[in-house]
N, C-alpha and C. Protein backbone atom coordinates (compact mmCIF):
# COMPACT_ATOMS: atom_id res chain seq x y z
N GLU A 1 -0.53 9.52 17.33
CA GLU A 1 0.37 8.44 16.92
C GLU A 1 -0.43 7.25 16.39
N LYS A 2 -1.52 6.94 17.06
CA LYS A 2 -2.36 5.83 16.60
C LYS A 2 -2.95 6.13 15.22
N ASP A 3 -3.36 7.39 15.01
CA ASP A 3 -3.95 7.76 13.73
C ASP A 3 -2.93 7.60 12.61
N ALA A 4 -1.70 8.02 12.86
CA ALA A 4 -0.66 7.90 11.84
C ALA A 4 -0.41 6.43 11.52
N TYR A 5 -0.40 5.60 12.55
CA TYR A 5 -0.19 4.17 12.34
C TYR A 5 -1.34 3.58 11.53
N ALA A 6 -2.56 3.96 11.86
CA ALA A 6 -3.72 3.45 11.14
C ALA A 6 -3.68 3.87 9.67
N ARG A 7 -3.27 5.11 9.43
CA ARG A 7 -3.19 5.59 8.04
C ARG A 7 -2.13 4.82 7.27
N SER A 8 -0.95 4.63 7.87
CA SER A 8 0.12 3.92 7.17
C SER A 8 -0.29 2.46 6.93
N ARG A 9 -0.99 1.89 7.89
CA ARG A 9 -1.44 0.51 7.74
C ARG A 9 -2.46 0.41 6.60
N ALA A 10 -3.38 1.35 6.57
CA ALA A 10 -4.40 1.36 5.51
C ALA A 10 -3.74 1.54 4.15
N CYS A 11 -2.71 2.37 4.11
CA CYS A 11 -2.03 2.60 2.84
C CYS A 11 -1.30 1.35 2.39
N ARG A 12 -0.66 0.65 3.32
CA ARG A 12 0.03 -0.58 2.94
C ARG A 12 -0.97 -1.59 2.39
N LEU A 13 -2.13 -1.68 3.02
CA LEU A 13 -3.16 -2.61 2.54
C LEU A 13 -3.62 -2.20 1.15
N ALA A 14 -3.75 -0.89 0.92
CA ALA A 14 -4.17 -0.41 -0.39
C ALA A 14 -3.12 -0.76 -1.44
N LEU A 15 -1.84 -0.63 -1.08
CA LEU A 15 -0.78 -0.96 -2.03
C LEU A 15 -0.78 -2.45 -2.33
N ILE A 16 -1.02 -3.25 -1.31
CA ILE A 16 -1.07 -4.70 -1.52
C ILE A 16 -2.25 -5.03 -2.44
N ASP A 17 -3.41 -4.43 -2.16
CA ASP A 17 -4.59 -4.68 -3.00
C ASP A 17 -4.30 -4.26 -4.44
N HIS A 18 -3.62 -3.13 -4.61
CA HIS A 18 -3.30 -2.64 -5.95
C HIS A 18 -2.41 -3.65 -6.67
N GLY A 19 -1.41 -4.16 -5.96
CA GLY A 19 -0.51 -5.13 -6.57
C GLY A 19 -1.23 -6.41 -6.94
N VAL A 20 -2.10 -6.88 -6.06
CA VAL A 20 -2.85 -8.10 -6.34
C VAL A 20 -3.77 -7.89 -7.54
N ALA A 21 -4.39 -6.72 -7.61
CA ALA A 21 -5.31 -6.44 -8.70
C ALA A 21 -4.58 -6.46 -10.05
N HIS A 22 -3.29 -6.08 -10.03
CA HIS A 22 -2.52 -6.06 -11.27
C HIS A 22 -1.64 -7.31 -11.40
N LYS A 23 -1.92 -8.30 -10.52
CA LYS A 23 -1.20 -9.58 -10.56
C LYS A 23 0.31 -9.41 -10.52
N LYS A 24 0.76 -8.51 -9.65
CA LYS A 24 2.21 -8.32 -9.46
C LYS A 24 2.62 -9.05 -8.19
N PRO A 25 3.89 -9.41 -8.07
CA PRO A 25 4.36 -10.03 -6.82
C PRO A 25 4.11 -9.10 -5.65
N PRO A 26 3.76 -9.63 -4.47
CA PRO A 26 3.45 -8.80 -3.30
C PRO A 26 4.54 -7.80 -2.95
N LEU A 27 5.82 -8.16 -3.12
CA LEU A 27 6.90 -7.24 -2.76
C LEU A 27 6.80 -5.95 -3.55
N ASN A 28 6.34 -6.03 -4.79
CA ASN A 28 6.22 -4.82 -5.60
C ASN A 28 5.21 -3.85 -5.00
N ALA A 29 4.26 -4.38 -4.24
CA ALA A 29 3.23 -3.53 -3.66
C ALA A 29 3.81 -2.59 -2.61
N PHE A 30 4.97 -2.92 -2.07
CA PHE A 30 5.55 -2.09 -1.02
C PHE A 30 6.41 -0.97 -1.57
N LYS A 31 6.66 -0.98 -2.88
CA LYS A 31 7.42 0.12 -3.46
C LYS A 31 6.51 1.33 -3.60
N PRO A 32 7.05 2.54 -3.52
CA PRO A 32 6.21 3.74 -3.65
C PRO A 32 5.44 3.73 -4.97
N HIS A 33 4.18 4.09 -4.89
CA HIS A 33 3.34 4.13 -6.09
C HIS A 33 2.70 5.51 -6.19
N PRO A 34 2.74 6.11 -7.36
CA PRO A 34 2.21 7.48 -7.52
C PRO A 34 0.75 7.62 -7.14
N GLU A 35 -0.04 6.55 -7.24
CA GLU A 35 -1.46 6.65 -6.92
C GLU A 35 -1.69 6.66 -5.41
N HIS A 36 -0.72 6.20 -4.65
CA HIS A 36 -0.90 6.11 -3.20
C HIS A 36 0.16 6.95 -2.51
N LYS A 37 -0.15 8.20 -2.25
CA LYS A 37 0.80 9.07 -1.56
C LYS A 37 0.60 8.92 -0.06
N CYS A 38 1.48 8.16 0.58
CA CYS A 38 1.34 7.89 2.00
C CYS A 38 2.16 8.87 2.81
């Protein structure tokens, strides 16, 4: 259970980083993205 939580947390951080890198609003980072299959 902890591993699954850590993976989902890491993925959310990756999505946020991706959104910031593309200068998109943070909320967009939480939408499913094809590059990040969580």
